[in-house]
Every structure is written in C-alpha cells, then in structure tokens.
Protein backbone atom coordinates (compact mmCIF):
# COMPACT_ATOMS: atom_id res chain seq x y z
CA MET A 1 0.07 -0.13 -0.12
CA PRO A 2 0.97 3.07 -1.15
CA GLU A 3 3.13 5.25 2.56
CA ILE A 4 0.24 8.28 1.64
CA LEU A 5 -2.88 5.98 2.55
CA ARG A 6 -0.65 4.15 5.65
CA THR A 7 0.20 7.64 7.48
CA GLY A 8 -1.11 11.03 8.38
CA ASP A 9 -4.17 12.44 8.82
CA ARG A 10 -7.60 10.16 8.61
CA ALA A 11 -9.63 12.69 7.61
CA MET A 12 -6.45 13.22 4.61
CA LYS A 13 -6.92 9.31 3.69
CA LYS A 14 -10.22 9.79 3.24
CA ARG A 15 -10.00 12.69 0.87
CA THR A 16 -6.81 10.32 -0.78
CA ARG A 17 -8.98 7.03 -1.10
CA VAL A 18 -11.93 8.20 -2.68
CA PRO A 19 -10.06 10.02 -5.79
CA LEU A 20 -7.49 6.72 -5.92
CA PHE A 21 -10.97 3.98 -5.68
CA ALA A 22 -12.19 6.30 -9.08
CA ALA A 23 -9.18 6.95 -10.75
CA TRP A 24 -8.99 2.66 -10.32
CA MET A 25 -12.19 1.87 -11.86
CA ALA A 26 -11.70 4.60 -14.77
CA GLY A 27 -8.50 2.74 -15.50
CA ALA A 28 -10.09 -0.90 -14.64
CA SER A 29 -13.16 0.00 -16.75
CA LEU A 30 -12.28 1.81 -19.37
CA PRO A 31 -10.35 -0.57 -21.46
CA LEU A 32 -13.35 -3.40 -20.84
CA THR A 33 -15.75 -0.95 -22.43
CA GLY A 34 -12.84 -0.33 -25.18
CA VAL A 35 -12.86 -4.07 -25.93
CA TRP A 36 -16.95 -3.54 -26.32
CA ILE A 37 -17.11 -1.31 -28.67
CA ARG A 38 -14.01 -3.04 -31.06
CA HIS A 39 -14.77 -6.32 -30.46
CA PRO A 40 -18.74 -6.71 -30.39
CA ASP A 41 -18.88 -10.02 -31.45
CA TRP A 42 -17.25 -11.45 -27.91
CA PHE A 43 -20.63 -10.08 -26.14
CA PRO A 44 -24.09 -11.47 -25.93
CA ALA A 45 -25.80 -9.15 -28.01
CA VAL A 46 -28.06 -6.09 -26.88
CA PRO A 47 -31.67 -7.76 -27.93
CA PRO A 48 -33.10 -5.00 -29.81
CA ALA A 49 -35.90 -4.14 -28.03
CA LEU A 50 -33.25 -2.65 -25.96
CA ALA A 51 -31.28 -0.89 -27.78
CA HIS A 52 -34.23 0.84 -29.71
CA ARG A 53 -35.52 2.03 -26.57
CA LEU A 54 -32.44 2.94 -25.40
CA ALA A 55 -32.20 5.41 -28.81
CA GLN A 56 -35.46 6.79 -27.99
CA ILE A 57 -35.00 7.49 -25.19
CA HIS A 58 -31.26 9.39 -26.24
CA GLY A 59 -32.90 10.86 -28.69
CA ALA A 60 -30.67 9.83 -31.53
CA GLU A 61 -31.12 10.85 -35.09
CA ASN A 62 -28.14 9.66 -36.83
CA ALA A 63 -25.83 6.87 -36.66
CA GLU A 64 -23.08 8.39 -34.53
CA GLN A 65 -25.11 9.44 -32.15
CA VAL A 66 -26.43 5.75 -32.23
CA ALA A 67 -22.63 5.15 -32.08
CA ASP A 68 -22.40 7.32 -29.29
CA LEU A 69 -24.92 4.95 -27.05
CA GLU A 70 -22.78 2.12 -27.89
CA MET A 71 -20.68 3.45 -24.83
CA LEU A 72 -23.08 2.73 -22.21
CA PRO A 73 -23.95 -1.60 -22.62
CA GLY A 74 -19.88 -0.99 -22.36
CA LEU A 75 -20.09 1.03 -19.04
CA ALA A 76 -23.13 -1.00 -17.65
CA LEU A 77 -21.26 -3.95 -18.14
CA GLY A 78 -17.70 -2.73 -17.82
CA ILE A 79 -17.93 -0.97 -13.93
CA PRO A 80 -19.18 -4.05 -12.22
CA VAL A 81 -17.20 -6.38 -13.83
CA GLY A 82 -13.66 -3.83 -13.12
CA ALA A 83 -15.55 -3.36 -9.60
CA TRP A 84 -15.53 -7.29 -8.78
CA ALA A 85 -11.84 -7.56 -10.49
CA SER A 86 -10.31 -5.08 -8.09
CA LEU A 87 -12.39 -6.64 -5.06
CA ALA A 88 -10.92 -10.13 -6.09
CA LEU A 89 -7.25 -8.66 -6.37
CA CYS A 90 -7.85 -7.08 -3.47
CA ARG A 91 -9.06 -10.16 -1.65
CA THR A 92 -6.58 -12.36 -3.04
CA ALA A 93 -3.26 -10.13 -2.44
CA HIS A 94 -4.99 -9.79 0.86
CA LEU A 95 -5.02 -13.76 1.57
CA LEU A 96 -1.51 -13.60 0.00
CA ALA A 97 -0.01 -11.69 1.65
CA PRO A 98 2.36 -13.11 4.69
CA LYS A 99 1.20 -12.72 7.88
CA LYS A 100 2.98 -10.99 10.59
CA LYS A 101 3.79 -12.84 13.59
CA PRO A 102 2.69 -11.20 17.53
CA GLU A 103 5.55 -9.80 19.11
CA MET A 104 7.01 -11.52 22.27
CA ALA A 105 6.27 -9.14 25.27
CA SER A 106 9.34 -9.50 27.59
CA HIS A 107 8.65 -11.63 30.49
CA ARG A 108 10.23 -9.94 33.58
CA HIS A 109 9.19 -11.37 36.44
CA THR A 110 9.70 -8.56 39.04
CA SER A 111 9.50 -9.82 42.74
CA ARG A 112 8.93 -7.12 45.35
CA ARG A 113 9.94 -7.75 48.85
C-alpha cells in the first residue's frame, strides 16, 4: 500500500482514497468498454428492443449518435466487472500477504520483597 495511505491524518486518508478509487475504477472499466466497442461479437448482443428504446430515450437521430450509445452497455458491464475484479484482486493480495507474527512481550518477573 502506498505510504500516503498508511500514515498521516485520518481525514486526509479519506480524501485521497476516493479520488484513487475513482481513478482505479476508470482505469479498470474504460479498457473493458473499449474491448466491448472494438469486439462486440465477443459479448452477448443487446436485445434489439432495448437498443431501440435506448436510442429513443437518448434522442439519437443519426448513426454517430447511435454509436455514442454503444458506450452505455460497455460501461454498464465494465464498471461492475472492474469492481468485481478489483475486489477479487484485493482479497487475493490480502490472503497471500505474509502474516505478521505477534511480538513477544518480554517476561520480566519482578518480585517485591
């Protein structure tokens, strides 16, 4: 974990974690969306009724506006998949991290006489 997240003010940790999380999610979901747009045959097709309804809601009138709508299913899949992959990566890293051994307290026996 970066040093900035380990030390310092607790409020500062919260202020740095939110932007870092947002950047991480963007970094994880945008490439998945790019794969969705470049290789739509790799994924299940969007039902035509849903695609038509999205085009109506968006008010798409030409092919370029419809192409802009292609990002919606990609992001709708990319964000949850990115979050799941991030969670799986964090859990795996936590489980594989070496366990710290508890420090032995010194056992000095002092007697009062």
